N, C-alpha and C. Protein backbone atom coordinates (compact mmCIF):
# COMPACT_ATOMS: atom_id res chain seq x y z
N MET A 1 0.95 -1.29 0.17
CA MET A 1 -0.04 0.09 0.08
C MET A 1 0.68 1.17 -0.19
N GLU A 2 0.87 1.95 -1.28
CA GLU A 2 1.66 3.23 -1.27
C GLU A 2 1.19 4.46 -0.61
N LEU A 3 1.92 5.10 -0.05
CA LEU A 3 1.59 6.49 0.60
C LEU A 3 2.07 7.73 -0.17
N THR A 4 1.21 8.42 -0.63
CA THR A 4 1.98 9.84 -1.21
C THR A 4 1.98 10.93 -0.56
N ILE A 5 2.99 11.44 -0.49
CA ILE A 5 3.32 12.60 0.78
C ILE A 5 3.69 13.77 -0.13
N ALA A 6 3.16 15.20 -0.02
CA ALA A 6 3.44 16.29 -0.34
C ALA A 6 4.21 16.96 0.54
N LEU A 7 5.20 17.44 -0.18
CA LEU A 7 6.46 18.34 0.66
C LEU A 7 6.34 19.66 -0.26
N ALA A 8 6.31 20.70 0.60
CA ALA A 8 6.68 22.06 0.23
C ALA A 8 7.95 22.19 -0.34
N LYS A 9 8.34 22.89 -1.17
CA LYS A 9 9.59 23.05 -1.93
C LYS A 9 10.42 24.17 -1.15
N GLY A 10 11.56 24.16 -1.02
CA GLY A 10 12.19 25.24 -0.17
C GLY A 10 12.81 24.72 1.08
N ARG A 11 12.93 25.84 2.16
CA ARG A 11 13.57 25.40 3.43
C ARG A 11 12.88 24.37 4.24
N LEU A 12 11.68 24.09 4.17
CA LEU A 12 10.70 23.20 4.84
C LEU A 12 11.09 22.05 4.46
N ALA A 13 11.37 21.77 3.09
CA ALA A 13 11.37 20.54 2.54
C ALA A 13 12.86 19.82 3.06
N LYS A 14 13.90 20.75 3.31
CA LYS A 14 15.14 20.48 3.83
C LYS A 14 15.12 19.74 5.07
N PHE A 15 14.05 20.54 6.06
CA PHE A 15 13.76 20.11 7.28
C PHE A 15 13.08 18.68 7.18
N ALA A 16 12.15 18.52 6.19
CA ALA A 16 11.28 17.35 6.00
C ALA A 16 12.00 16.15 5.64
N ILE A 17 13.11 16.42 4.45
CA ILE A 17 13.76 15.39 4.49
C ILE A 17 14.84 14.75 5.58
N ASP A 18 15.17 15.53 6.24
CA ASP A 18 16.21 15.26 7.48
C ASP A 18 15.45 14.37 8.25
N LEU A 19 14.22 14.81 8.66
CA LEU A 19 13.14 14.07 9.57
C LEU A 19 13.00 12.90 8.99
N PHE A 20 12.38 12.77 7.85
CA PHE A 20 12.01 11.25 7.19
C PHE A 20 13.32 10.14 7.26
N SER A 21 14.52 11.10 6.88
CA SER A 21 15.79 10.30 6.97
C SER A 21 16.07 9.48 8.14
N ARG A 22 15.55 10.24 9.17
CA ARG A 22 16.17 9.80 10.77
C ARG A 22 14.94 8.62 10.85
N CYS A 23 13.82 8.33 10.40
CA CYS A 23 13.06 7.51 10.29
C CYS A 23 13.48 6.20 9.54
N GLY A 24 14.51 6.33 9.07
CA GLY A 24 14.84 5.13 8.24
C GLY A 24 14.44 5.09 6.58
N ILE A 25 13.58 5.97 6.10
CA ILE A 25 13.56 6.46 5.02
C ILE A 25 14.28 6.73 4.03
N ASP A 26 14.33 6.26 2.57
CA ASP A 26 15.16 6.42 1.68
C ASP A 26 15.08 7.79 0.91
N THR A 27 15.74 8.70 1.21
CA THR A 27 15.66 10.24 0.95
C THR A 27 16.76 10.56 -0.14
N SER A 28 17.27 9.64 -0.66
CA SER A 28 18.50 9.93 -1.61
C SER A 28 17.91 10.52 -2.74
N GLU A 29 16.98 10.06 -3.23
CA GLU A 29 16.27 10.97 -4.62
C GLU A 29 15.94 12.26 -4.09
N LEU A 30 15.38 12.65 -2.80
CA LEU A 30 14.97 13.75 -2.47
C LEU A 30 16.36 14.89 -2.32
N GLU A 31 17.30 14.20 -1.86
CA GLU A 31 18.63 15.13 -1.61
C GLU A 31 19.39 15.32 -3.05
N GLU A 32 18.82 14.66 -4.05
CA GLU A 32 19.64 14.92 -5.34
C GLU A 32 19.22 16.53 -5.67
N ASP A 33 20.28 16.98 -6.75
CA ASP A 33 20.09 18.35 -7.11
C ASP A 33 19.09 17.82 -8.69
N THR A 34 18.23 17.96 -8.46
CA THR A 34 17.09 17.58 -9.59
C THR A 34 16.06 18.19 -10.04
N ARG A 35 15.31 18.20 -10.93
CA ARG A 35 14.07 19.09 -11.46
C ARG A 35 12.99 18.06 -11.16
N LYS A 36 13.26 16.91 -10.61
CA LYS A 36 11.97 15.61 -10.72
C LYS A 36 10.97 16.08 -9.67
N LEU A 37 9.94 16.42 -9.74
CA LEU A 37 8.78 16.64 -8.90
C LEU A 37 8.11 15.64 -8.16
N VAL A 38 8.43 14.16 -8.72
CA VAL A 38 7.98 12.92 -7.99
C VAL A 38 9.00 12.15 -8.02
N VAL A 39 9.16 11.44 -6.70
CA VAL A 39 10.42 10.95 -6.19
C VAL A 39 9.87 9.75 -5.55
N TYR A 40 10.41 8.62 -5.28
CA TYR A 40 10.06 7.39 -4.14
C TYR A 40 11.21 6.88 -3.51
N ASP A 41 10.52 6.04 -2.60
CA ASP A 41 11.35 5.19 -1.48
C ASP A 41 10.42 4.08 -2.05
N LYS A 42 10.92 3.06 -2.67
CA LYS A 42 9.96 2.06 -3.37
C LYS A 42 10.26 0.65 -2.31
N LYS A 43 11.09 0.68 -1.17
CA LYS A 43 11.25 -0.16 -0.33
C LYS A 43 10.14 0.06 0.85
N ASN A 44 9.85 1.17 0.93
CA ASN A 44 9.08 1.51 2.05
C ASN A 44 7.71 2.09 1.54
N GLU A 45 7.47 1.88 0.14
CA GLU A 45 6.37 2.16 -0.58
C GLU A 45 5.90 3.74 -0.48
N LEU A 46 6.50 4.50 -0.62
CA LEU A 46 6.39 5.87 -0.24
C LEU A 46 6.63 6.65 -1.62
N ARG A 47 5.80 7.45 -2.05
CA ARG A 47 5.95 8.40 -2.95
C ARG A 47 5.84 9.95 -2.68
N PHE A 48 6.94 10.61 -3.14
CA PHE A 48 7.17 11.94 -2.84
C PHE A 48 6.77 12.97 -3.57
N ILE A 49 5.85 13.91 -3.48
CA ILE A 49 5.67 15.10 -4.78
C ILE A 49 6.10 16.50 -4.00
N LEU A 50 6.60 17.20 -5.13
CA LEU A 50 7.44 18.33 -4.46
C LEU A 50 6.41 19.43 -5.29
N VAL A 51 5.67 20.13 -4.35
CA VAL A 51 4.99 21.15 -4.81
C VAL A 51 5.11 22.61 -4.20
N LYS A 52 4.21 23.61 -4.42
CA LYS A 52 4.31 24.67 -3.93
C LYS A 52 3.92 24.89 -2.78
N PRO A 53 4.27 25.66 -1.75
CA PRO A 53 3.65 25.50 -0.43
C PRO A 53 2.47 25.65 -0.32
N ALA A 54 1.96 26.48 -0.92
CA ALA A 54 0.16 26.83 -0.90
C ALA A 54 -0.70 25.71 -1.58
N ASP A 55 0.07 25.07 -2.32
CA ASP A 55 -0.58 23.95 -3.02
C ASP A 55 -0.56 22.53 -1.87
N VAL A 56 0.13 22.46 -1.02
CA VAL A 56 0.12 21.38 -0.09
C VAL A 56 -1.33 21.04 0.31
N PRO A 57 -2.04 21.84 1.07
CA PRO A 57 -3.53 21.46 1.71
C PRO A 57 -4.18 20.65 0.40
N VAL A 58 -3.99 21.60 -0.64
CA VAL A 58 -4.84 21.31 -2.10
C VAL A 58 -4.88 19.77 -2.41
N TYR A 59 -3.57 19.50 -2.46
CA TYR A 59 -3.16 18.14 -2.72
C TYR A 59 -3.73 17.09 -1.89
N VAL A 60 -3.61 17.54 -0.55
CA VAL A 60 -4.09 16.60 0.69
C VAL A 60 -5.40 16.47 0.58
N TYR A 61 -6.24 17.48 0.24
CA TYR A 61 -7.54 17.44 0.66
C TYR A 61 -8.14 16.81 -0.54
N ARG A 62 -7.81 16.77 -1.78
CA ARG A 62 -8.22 16.24 -2.83
C ARG A 62 -7.84 14.78 -2.74
N GLY A 63 -7.10 14.29 -2.13
CA GLY A 63 -6.56 12.80 -1.71
C GLY A 63 -5.65 12.67 -2.98
N VAL A 64 -4.80 13.60 -3.64
CA VAL A 64 -3.68 12.96 -4.40
C VAL A 64 -2.96 12.74 -3.51
N ALA A 65 -2.69 13.57 -2.39
CA ALA A 65 -1.81 12.99 -1.45
C ALA A 65 -2.30 12.61 0.01
N ASP A 66 -1.84 11.52 0.39
CA ASP A 66 -2.13 11.02 1.79
C ASP A 66 -1.80 12.18 3.10
N ILE A 67 -0.47 12.68 2.78
CA ILE A 67 0.11 13.47 3.99
C ILE A 67 0.70 14.32 3.32
N GLY A 68 0.79 15.73 3.97
CA GLY A 68 1.23 16.89 3.60
C GLY A 68 2.19 17.58 4.84
N ILE A 69 3.11 18.36 4.26
CA ILE A 69 3.75 19.01 5.66
C ILE A 69 3.62 20.46 5.09
N ALA A 70 3.24 21.38 5.61
CA ALA A 70 2.89 22.78 5.28
C ALA A 70 3.07 23.83 6.86
N GLY A 71 3.29 25.06 6.40
CA GLY A 71 3.03 25.86 7.47
C GLY A 71 1.87 25.96 8.21
N LYS A 72 1.55 26.30 9.14
CA LYS A 72 0.43 26.58 9.70
C LYS A 72 -0.05 27.89 9.26
N ASP A 73 0.38 28.96 8.84
CA ASP A 73 -0.21 30.05 8.18
C ASP A 73 -0.59 29.39 6.74
N THR A 74 -0.09 28.57 6.11
CA THR A 74 -0.69 27.95 4.81
C THR A 74 -1.88 27.42 4.88
N LEU A 75 -1.88 26.36 5.88
CA LEU A 75 -2.96 25.71 6.40
C LEU A 75 -4.21 26.43 6.69
N LEU A 76 -4.27 27.67 7.59
CA LEU A 76 -5.31 28.27 8.14
C LEU A 76 -5.52 29.04 6.85
N GLU A 77 -4.80 29.50 5.82
CA GLU A 77 -5.45 30.62 4.84
C GLU A 77 -6.18 29.43 3.89
N ALA A 78 -5.86 28.44 3.57
CA ALA A 78 -6.40 27.42 2.86
C ALA A 78 -7.79 26.83 3.24
N GLY A 79 -7.80 26.67 4.68
CA GLY A 79 -9.19 26.69 5.51
C GLY A 79 -9.68 25.28 4.92
N LEU A 80 -8.96 24.17 4.70
CA LEU A 80 -9.46 23.00 4.20
C LEU A 80 -9.59 21.90 5.38
N PRO A 81 -10.71 20.97 5.48
CA PRO A 81 -10.86 19.80 6.60
C PRO A 81 -9.73 19.01 6.44
N LEU A 82 -8.57 19.50 7.08
CA LEU A 82 -7.54 18.16 7.21
C LEU A 82 -7.29 17.95 8.56
N TYR A 83 -6.75 16.92 8.83
CA TYR A 83 -6.15 16.30 10.24
C TYR A 83 -4.99 16.63 10.37
N GLU A 84 -4.43 17.65 11.45
CA GLU A 84 -3.51 17.96 11.94
C GLU A 84 -2.79 17.14 12.75
N MET A 85 -2.05 16.14 12.53
CA MET A 85 -1.42 15.09 13.50
C MET A 85 -0.25 15.59 14.15
N LEU A 86 0.45 16.30 13.78
CA LEU A 86 2.15 16.59 14.26
C LEU A 86 2.38 18.17 14.14
N ASP A 87 2.69 18.94 15.29
CA ASP A 87 3.48 20.30 15.15
C ASP A 87 5.18 19.91 15.01
N LEU A 88 5.41 20.18 14.10
CA LEU A 88 6.74 19.72 13.92
C LEU A 88 7.94 20.91 14.31
N LYS A 89 7.57 21.80 14.76
CA LYS A 89 8.15 22.49 15.54
C LYS A 89 9.23 23.49 14.78
N CYS A 90 9.10 23.31 13.18
CA CYS A 90 9.97 23.87 12.75
C CYS A 90 9.42 25.36 12.14
N GLY A 91 10.41 26.23 11.77
CA GLY A 91 9.82 27.41 11.18
C GLY A 91 8.88 28.23 12.11
N LYS A 92 9.19 28.19 13.58
CA LYS A 92 8.54 28.81 14.17
C LYS A 92 8.51 30.61 14.02
N CYS A 93 7.57 31.08 14.23
CA CYS A 93 7.18 32.63 14.11
C CYS A 93 5.84 32.90 14.54
N LYS A 94 5.44 34.17 14.28
CA LYS A 94 3.94 34.64 14.72
C LYS A 94 3.45 35.12 13.53
N MET A 95 2.16 34.96 13.46
CA MET A 95 1.27 36.08 12.69
C MET A 95 0.94 37.17 13.45
N CYS A 96 0.92 38.53 12.94
CA CYS A 96 0.74 39.73 13.97
C CYS A 96 0.13 40.63 13.01
N VAL A 97 -0.48 41.49 13.86
CA VAL A 97 -0.67 42.81 13.34
C VAL A 97 0.42 43.66 13.59
N ALA A 98 0.43 44.79 12.65
CA ALA A 98 1.50 45.69 12.70
C ALA A 98 1.03 46.92 12.06
N GLY A 99 1.74 48.09 12.43
CA GLY A 99 1.37 49.55 11.91
C GLY A 99 2.07 50.30 12.86
N TYR A 100 1.84 51.82 12.42
CA TYR A 100 2.14 52.74 13.50
C TYR A 100 1.48 53.04 14.72
N ALA A 101 2.06 52.85 15.89
CA ALA A 101 1.56 52.84 17.17
C ALA A 101 0.81 53.85 17.62
N GLU A 102 1.58 55.05 17.32
CA GLU A 102 1.01 56.35 17.61
C GLU A 102 -0.15 56.77 16.87
N LYS A 103 -0.45 56.42 15.41
CA LYS A 103 -1.41 56.46 14.33
C LYS A 103 -2.77 55.78 15.25
N GLN A 104 -2.85 54.78 15.91
CA GLN A 104 -3.83 54.27 16.32
C GLN A 104 -4.89 54.86 17.12
N ASN A 105 -4.20 55.26 17.94
CA ASN A 105 -5.33 56.10 18.77
C ASN A 105 -5.99 57.55 18.02
N ASP A 106 -5.07 57.94 17.25
CA ASP A 106 -5.58 58.83 16.22
C ASP A 106 -7.11 58.46 15.43
N ARG A 107 -7.24 57.46 15.20
CA ARG A 107 -8.16 57.25 14.43
C ARG A 107 -9.64 57.25 14.84
N ILE A 108 -10.55 57.42 14.09
CA ILE A 108 -11.79 57.65 14.52
C ILE A 108 -12.58 56.39 14.47
N THR A 109 -12.79 55.58 15.76
CA THR A 109 -13.41 54.43 16.24
C THR A 109 -14.34 53.91 15.08
N SER A 110 -15.20 54.88 14.31
CA SER A 110 -16.15 54.33 13.72
C SER A 110 -15.46 54.06 12.15
N THR A 111 -14.21 54.44 11.93
CA THR A 111 -13.68 54.14 10.60
C THR A 111 -13.40 52.91 10.56
N ILE A 112 -13.79 51.99 9.32
CA ILE A 112 -13.22 50.55 8.96
C ILE A 112 -11.94 50.70 8.87
N THR A 113 -11.16 49.94 9.43
CA THR A 113 -9.86 49.37 9.49
C THR A 113 -9.30 48.56 8.30
N ARG A 114 -8.30 49.50 7.54
CA ARG A 114 -7.78 49.04 6.25
C ARG A 114 -6.80 48.17 6.66
N VAL A 115 -6.72 46.67 6.24
CA VAL A 115 -5.93 45.66 6.48
C VAL A 115 -4.99 45.40 5.40
N ALA A 116 -3.86 45.69 5.23
CA ALA A 116 -3.08 44.90 3.92
C ALA A 116 -2.41 43.34 4.38
N THR A 117 -2.33 42.52 3.68
CA THR A 117 -2.24 41.23 4.12
C THR A 117 -2.07 40.11 2.87
N LYS A 118 -1.25 39.34 2.87
CA LYS A 118 -1.01 38.01 2.25
C LYS A 118 -2.02 37.09 2.34
N TYR A 119 -2.75 37.24 3.77
CA TYR A 119 -3.36 36.17 4.16
C TYR A 119 -4.93 36.91 4.61
N PRO A 120 -5.69 37.08 3.50
CA PRO A 120 -6.87 37.65 3.75
C PRO A 120 -7.93 36.74 4.28
N ARG A 121 -8.07 35.53 4.48
CA ARG A 121 -8.74 34.75 5.19
C ARG A 121 -8.44 34.64 6.57
N VAL A 122 -7.15 34.74 6.94
CA VAL A 122 -6.83 34.56 8.26
C VAL A 122 -6.91 35.87 8.82
N ALA A 123 -7.06 37.20 8.23
CA ALA A 123 -7.27 38.30 8.75
C ALA A 123 -8.65 38.66 9.19
N LYS A 124 -9.54 38.19 8.31
CA LYS A 124 -11.07 38.11 8.10
C LYS A 124 -11.41 37.65 9.46
N MET A 125 -10.86 36.19 10.09
CA MET A 125 -11.27 35.25 10.62
C MET A 125 -10.66 35.95 12.24
N TYR A 126 -9.54 36.91 12.13
CA TYR A 126 -9.16 37.27 13.42
C TYR A 126 -10.15 38.59 13.74
N TYR A 127 -10.33 39.32 12.88
CA TYR A 127 -11.16 40.54 13.08
C TYR A 127 -12.61 40.29 13.37
N ASP A 128 -13.14 38.98 12.89
CA ASP A 128 -14.42 38.35 12.91
C ASP A 128 -14.71 38.35 14.22
N GLU A 129 -13.60 37.52 14.90
CA GLU A 129 -13.73 37.17 16.34
C GLU A 129 -13.69 38.18 17.30
N LYS A 130 -13.00 39.37 16.96
CA LYS A 130 -13.02 40.45 17.78
C LYS A 130 -14.44 41.48 17.35
N GLY A 131 -15.00 41.07 16.33
CA GLY A 131 -16.39 41.83 16.25
C GLY A 131 -16.19 43.16 15.25
N GLU A 132 -14.92 43.27 14.58
CA GLU A 132 -14.60 44.43 13.94
C GLU A 132 -14.81 44.27 12.45
N ASP A 133 -15.25 45.30 11.92
CA ASP A 133 -15.33 45.18 10.16
C ASP A 133 -14.11 45.96 9.80
N ILE A 134 -13.55 45.29 8.99
CA ILE A 134 -12.35 45.77 8.21
C ILE A 134 -12.43 45.94 6.80
N GLU A 135 -11.75 46.41 5.89
CA GLU A 135 -11.56 46.09 4.27
C GLU A 135 -10.16 45.54 4.22
N ILE A 136 -10.19 44.67 3.67
CA ILE A 136 -8.90 43.93 3.29
C ILE A 136 -8.43 44.17 1.87
N ILE A 137 -6.91 44.50 1.97
CA ILE A 137 -6.35 44.90 0.77
C ILE A 137 -5.34 43.55 0.54
N LYS A 138 -5.57 43.02 -0.37
CA LYS A 138 -4.96 41.99 -0.65
C LYS A 138 -3.49 42.30 -1.34
N LEU A 139 -2.16 41.95 -1.13
CA LEU A 139 -0.89 42.03 -1.48
C LEU A 139 0.10 41.02 -1.47
N ASN A 140 1.03 40.97 -2.22
CA ASN A 140 1.60 39.82 -2.56
C ASN A 140 3.23 39.99 -2.05
N GLY A 141 3.41 41.09 -1.62
CA GLY A 141 4.80 41.36 -1.37
C GLY A 141 4.99 42.70 -0.74
N SER A 142 6.04 42.78 0.05
CA SER A 142 6.22 44.25 0.56
C SER A 142 5.12 44.72 1.56
N ILE A 143 4.59 43.94 2.24
CA ILE A 143 3.43 44.58 2.76
C ILE A 143 3.74 45.62 3.85
N GLU A 144 4.93 45.75 4.32
CA GLU A 144 5.49 47.10 5.10
C GLU A 144 5.07 48.20 4.77
N LEU A 145 5.31 48.22 2.99
CA LEU A 145 5.01 49.37 2.23
C LEU A 145 3.63 50.14 2.54
N ALA A 146 2.58 49.04 2.52
CA ALA A 146 1.15 49.70 2.96
C ALA A 146 0.85 50.88 3.89
N PRO A 147 1.08 50.58 5.42
CA PRO A 147 1.03 51.59 5.93
C PRO A 147 1.84 53.06 5.77
N ILE A 148 3.02 52.71 5.42
CA ILE A 148 4.15 53.64 5.03
C ILE A 148 3.36 54.69 3.82
N LEU A 149 2.88 54.16 2.97
CA LEU A 149 2.14 54.89 1.92
C LEU A 149 0.89 55.34 2.22
N ASP A 150 0.36 55.01 3.07
CA ASP A 150 -1.00 55.22 3.72
C ASP A 150 -2.03 54.48 2.91
N LEU A 151 -1.47 53.02 2.38
CA LEU A 151 -2.29 52.38 1.67
C LEU A 151 -3.28 51.46 2.77
N SER A 152 -2.72 51.40 3.75
CA SER A 152 -3.64 50.53 4.89
C SER A 152 -3.20 51.33 6.17
N ASP A 153 -4.27 50.91 7.18
CA ASP A 153 -3.79 51.31 8.39
C ASP A 153 -3.13 50.44 9.09
N VAL A 154 -3.24 49.17 8.98
CA VAL A 154 -2.16 48.15 9.77
C VAL A 154 -1.75 46.99 8.71
N ILE A 155 -0.96 46.17 8.75
CA ILE A 155 -0.75 44.95 8.20
C ILE A 155 -1.34 43.72 8.96
N VAL A 156 -1.53 42.55 8.18
CA VAL A 156 -1.34 41.25 8.86
C VAL A 156 -0.31 40.36 8.38
N ASP A 157 0.46 39.82 8.85
CA ASP A 157 1.74 39.24 8.06
C ASP A 157 2.45 38.39 9.26
N ILE A 158 3.40 37.22 8.61
CA ILE A 158 4.03 36.91 9.44
C ILE A 158 5.62 37.48 10.02
N VAL A 159 5.54 37.65 11.38
CA VAL A 159 6.96 38.03 11.58
C VAL A 159 7.69 37.00 12.53
N GLU A 160 8.95 37.06 11.94
CA GLU A 160 9.92 36.25 12.62
C GLU A 160 11.09 36.91 13.60
N SER A 161 11.91 37.67 13.13
CA SER A 161 12.81 38.53 14.16
C SER A 161 12.03 39.63 14.55
N GLY A 162 11.34 40.39 13.55
CA GLY A 162 10.69 41.76 13.69
C GLY A 162 11.46 42.88 13.21
N THR A 163 12.77 42.62 12.55
CA THR A 163 13.65 43.44 12.38
C THR A 163 13.10 44.28 11.32
N THR A 164 12.37 43.77 9.92
CA THR A 164 11.60 44.36 8.84
C THR A 164 10.93 45.50 9.49
N ILE A 165 10.20 44.84 10.30
CA ILE A 165 9.03 45.72 10.90
C ILE A 165 9.60 46.76 11.38
N ARG A 166 10.61 46.95 12.40
CA ARG A 166 11.22 47.97 13.18
C ARG A 166 12.09 49.15 12.25
N GLU A 167 12.82 48.22 11.00
CA GLU A 167 13.58 49.23 10.34
C GLU A 167 12.73 50.20 9.57
N ASN A 168 11.59 49.64 9.31
CA ASN A 168 10.46 50.76 8.49
C ASN A 168 9.45 51.45 9.41
N GLY A 169 10.07 51.35 10.61
CA GLY A 169 9.33 52.47 11.47
C GLY A 169 7.90 51.82 12.08
N LEU A 170 7.58 50.49 11.97
CA LEU A 170 6.55 50.05 12.49
C LEU A 170 6.66 49.45 13.64
N ALA A 171 5.37 48.85 14.08
CA ALA A 171 5.52 48.17 15.70
C ALA A 171 4.61 46.96 15.64
N ILE A 172 4.68 45.90 16.23
CA ILE A 172 3.89 44.96 16.35
C ILE A 172 2.86 45.32 17.25
N LEU A 173 1.54 45.39 16.95
CA LEU A 173 0.41 45.84 17.85
C LEU A 173 -0.46 44.83 18.57
N GLU A 174 -0.36 43.72 17.89
CA GLU A 174 -1.01 42.48 18.02
C GLU A 174 -0.62 41.03 17.64
N ASP A 175 -0.62 40.07 18.64
CA ASP A 175 -0.18 38.68 17.90
C ASP A 175 -1.86 37.99 17.54
N VAL A 176 -1.62 37.43 16.40
CA VAL A 176 -2.81 36.70 15.69
C VAL A 176 -2.55 35.20 16.30
N CYS A 177 -1.44 34.64 15.81
CA CYS A 177 -1.14 33.24 16.00
C CYS A 177 -0.08 33.03 16.20
N ASP A 178 0.40 31.54 16.53
CA ASP A 178 1.69 30.95 16.65
C ASP A 178 1.67 30.24 15.17
N ILE A 179 2.79 29.96 14.37
CA ILE A 179 2.94 29.68 13.16
C ILE A 179 4.17 28.54 13.43
N SER A 180 4.10 27.43 12.68
CA SER A 180 4.99 26.50 12.53
C SER A 180 4.68 25.44 11.48
N ALA A 181 5.66 24.43 11.45
CA ALA A 181 5.34 23.64 10.13
C ALA A 181 4.51 22.52 10.81
N ARG A 182 3.47 21.94 10.17
CA ARG A 182 2.63 21.04 10.66
C ARG A 182 2.41 19.79 9.50
N LEU A 183 1.92 18.43 10.31
CA LEU A 183 1.99 17.40 9.33
C LEU A 183 0.43 17.20 9.54
N VAL A 184 -0.38 17.34 7.97
CA VAL A 184 -1.51 17.01 8.10
C VAL A 184 -1.82 15.48 6.88
N VAL A 185 -2.95 15.21 7.20
CA VAL A 185 -3.56 13.97 6.70
C VAL A 185 -4.83 14.01 6.09
N ASN A 186 -5.12 13.47 5.08
CA ASN A 186 -6.36 13.55 4.49
C ASN A 186 -7.11 12.65 5.26
N GLN A 187 -8.41 12.89 5.60
CA GLN A 187 -9.22 12.27 6.19
C GLN A 187 -9.83 11.11 5.91
N VAL A 188 -9.99 10.74 4.72
CA VAL A 188 -10.13 9.54 4.06
C VAL A 188 -9.24 8.31 4.31
N SER A 189 -7.76 9.06 4.10
CA SER A 189 -6.61 8.49 3.91
C SER A 189 -6.64 7.76 5.40
N LEU A 190 -6.40 8.44 6.50
CA LEU A 190 -6.52 8.41 8.01
C LEU A 190 -7.44 6.92 8.30
N LYS A 191 -8.26 6.84 7.40
CA LYS A 191 -9.09 5.68 7.65
C LYS A 191 -8.78 4.42 6.95
N THR A 192 -8.51 4.74 5.65
CA THR A 192 -8.42 3.64 4.67
C THR A 192 -6.83 3.24 4.65
N LYS A 193 -5.94 3.76 5.14
CA LYS A 193 -4.54 3.77 5.27
C LYS A 193 -3.84 3.77 6.72
N SER A 194 -4.79 3.35 7.66
CA SER A 194 -4.38 3.91 9.09
C SER A 194 -3.05 3.17 9.61
N ALA A 195 -3.12 1.75 8.90
CA ALA A 195 -2.09 0.60 9.31
C ALA A 195 -0.89 1.19 8.82
N LYS A 196 -0.90 1.97 7.90
CA LYS A 196 0.54 2.26 7.29
C LYS A 196 1.03 4.20 7.87
N ILE A 197 -0.30 4.73 8.11
CA ILE A 197 -0.14 6.03 8.23
C ILE A 197 0.13 6.24 9.65
N GLN A 198 -0.34 5.64 10.92
CA GLN A 198 -0.05 5.74 12.27
C GLN A 198 1.35 5.40 12.56
N PRO A 199 1.65 4.35 11.91
CA PRO A 199 3.16 3.81 12.53
C PRO A 199 3.84 5.04 12.03
N LEU A 200 3.96 5.45 10.85
CA LEU A 200 4.65 6.62 10.24
C LEU A 200 4.83 7.59 11.15
N ILE A 201 3.40 8.19 11.52
CA ILE A 201 3.55 9.28 12.15
C ILE A 201 4.13 8.99 13.81
N ALA A 202 4.10 7.84 14.33
CA ALA A 202 4.74 7.47 15.69
C ALA A 202 6.02 7.62 15.46
N LYS A 203 6.83 7.26 14.37
CA LYS A 203 7.99 7.25 13.82
C LYS A 203 8.64 8.60 13.87
N LEU A 204 7.87 9.30 13.09
CA LEU A 204 8.07 10.94 13.09
C LEU A 204 8.07 11.64 14.03
N GLY A 205 7.38 11.14 15.09
CA GLY A 205 7.13 11.94 16.62
C GLY A 205 8.34 11.60 17.07
N CYS A 206 8.68 10.25 17.41
CA CYS A 206 10.14 9.77 18.06
C CYS A 206 11.31 10.69 17.37
N ALA A 207 11.33 10.69 16.07
CA ALA A 207 12.52 11.35 15.49
C ALA A 207 12.56 12.72 15.97
N LEU A 208 11.35 13.40 15.85
CA LEU A 208 11.38 14.93 16.35
C LEU A 208 11.92 15.03 17.84
N GLU A 209 11.70 14.18 18.75
CA GLU A 209 11.85 14.28 20.19
C GLU A 209 13.71 14.25 20.16
N ASP A 210 13.90 13.38 19.19
CA ASP A 210 15.69 13.54 19.29
C ASP A 210 16.50 14.56 18.52
N MET A 211 15.47 15.11 17.93
CA MET A 211 16.35 16.37 16.90
C MET A 211 16.69 17.70 17.85
């Protein structure tokens, strides 16, 4: 019974490869400098597909992949019903609201907050929970420019060290949620392939403790 595992390309893939290797999985093809998008560990009946981070939840939800590894930010933004099985403790950071602290008190309370973000779904959920109406401005890069050029009042974005925020004269105003890499499983796969998936998750959990 073959399992298909969707991995996000880039830094997270390197961590995942190391983790799988510690579980006795043949990751030699994954470690090669190749343009292959599908590689195999035939001995352990595993197939790895390498996709863009934002596509991992889609492949798992649609059942093309049984298992996926993606950041919590990606999973929240996708909003798909998947089983989140492991927090891999990799890529830890926070999703935050940031802007000019001194301008927040000057704003008219009845004014709708303009929020620039790469994560419109996450931003809407966060402000909905607070009971606040917002105008979402979807951007794909240089989010910090939005409040600087008065395109938005605040931004909702991932913050690691906070250096970029500070260097642009902004401040972290609120924490939205903690972010790290997660292992997710297709709901049907967990039932139909449980005999193979559960032992693999157990091995990965043990390997995490030793890292």
